[in-house]
Amino acid sequence: ALLSQQLRHLTLVAPLPVEQSSGIDHVLASPAAGGPRMDWGDALAVPTFYGREGELALLSQWMLQERCRVVSVLGMGGIGKSALVVSAMHQLAAHFQVVLFRSLRDAPSCEALLDDCLQVLAPQPLDLSLANLESRISRLLEHLRSSRVLLVLDNLESLLSEGEVRGHLRPGYEGYARLLRRVGETGHSSCLLLTSREKPAELRALEGSHSPVRVLRLVGLEAAACEQLLAEHELVGSPEEQARLVEGYAGNPLALKIVAQTIDELFGGEIGPFLAGGTAVFGSLADLLDEQVARLSALEQTVLSWLAIVREPVTLEELRAVLVTPLPGMQILEAVEGLRRRSLIERGQRPGSFTLQSVVLEYVTAELVAQASSEIQQGRLARLIEHGLSQAQAREDVRQAQERLLVVPLLNRLLSASP
């Protein structure tokens, strides 16, 4: 009864912030005549890249020489899928008439994604007759046939269900199954480039070494690329110590970046003392993030939480505007720089903007929901009062993502815990 009473009076919407700029949703580049039309969406700026020359060459062969219709880049979190496809997108853009990037990490509906893409491909008001999913997909395929389009969909795993049945879409996202099948089966001159931690079930029957549907599985970085990464973080160690460190984290670049900061802060950049620590040195990426977040200052943790709530690249001024407690810009800048050093945030496409790395966003989102649930059940609302989980002044699509990925999971968690 107490829980129900709290839920009735609980405000999950963040306090109204100071007026903030709306920012730029998409960066639409119009190069010289004859060049491609590019909409980078919320793609990150070209990332620091280690190795992967062979993978880039293979993507180029599949997309340009073999004209594959669908290419999936698969791999565990932090392995570098997004970095690879963004680099490929920039390198191969000149071979396409239109380049379009969209992230699926906020789990938009298939209809919303298609409407967004069609507005870029045919920038005139959408025909009201496109009322159903099939009509939208058919219109997209018309553009994929008439123009050479590179459509990049990042973080497809956000749409997949969890549990024993792997690769199947979550309830409410079945439209993506139809989209993937039709793009893979229908003849056209374009390429759909996907990233995901799991292979979508809808593409399993279509893929093959001689099929226009291909899969590239990313594994850890090769030794030379790992050595370059460690050297850029100024870590010191023998070849054997470096090899042991790399092997412990399976060459995962994000894990290595995070642990490199730990070694720098606690062991003066020396790998040997870290390895000789006596405790279990190697753990999962979630374990690494637990350790990193525990060492953050209160302000750094606040910034991390707000970036997970805002869910899109923001500038310092935009971040400052949403903070409940006004703070000097220099303090916020120092907090952001601390998060950048720890490889928890990345630069956005818009100049001066930054956002959470996808794995970190997923981790912080889960932590926010768990902490809010715990506070409510204990009758303490300090974190919700400080942050809220939905912004009243956010754009409609951002607010819908906040409700879908923060508010609804919190309510479900509370309802499942109530007697």
Foldseek 3Di string as FASTA:
>chain_A
DLLVVCVVVDFLAAPAFDDDDQDDQWDWDDDDPLFATETAGWQADQDDDFDCPVVLVVVCCLCPVVLFLEEEEAADPLQCPSNSVVVSCVVCRRVWNYEEEDECLLPDALVVVLVVVVCVLPVDDDDPVCPDLVSSLVVVQVSQAVTAYEYEYEAPQNQCDDDDDPQEGDPRRCSVLVSVLCSQPDDHRYYYYYYYNGHHPSCPVQEDPNGSYYYHYRFADDPVRQVVLLVVLVADDDPVLSVVVCVLQRNRSLLSLQVQVVCCVPVVRYSVCLVVVPDPNHDDPLVSVVVVLVPADPLLVVLLLQLLLQVGWDALRNSQRSFPDHDDSVVSVVSVVVCVSNVQKGHIPPPRIIGGRSVSSVSSLVVLLVVCLVCSVVVHRVVSNRHRQAHPPHDPVSRVSSCVRHVVVSVVVNVVPDD
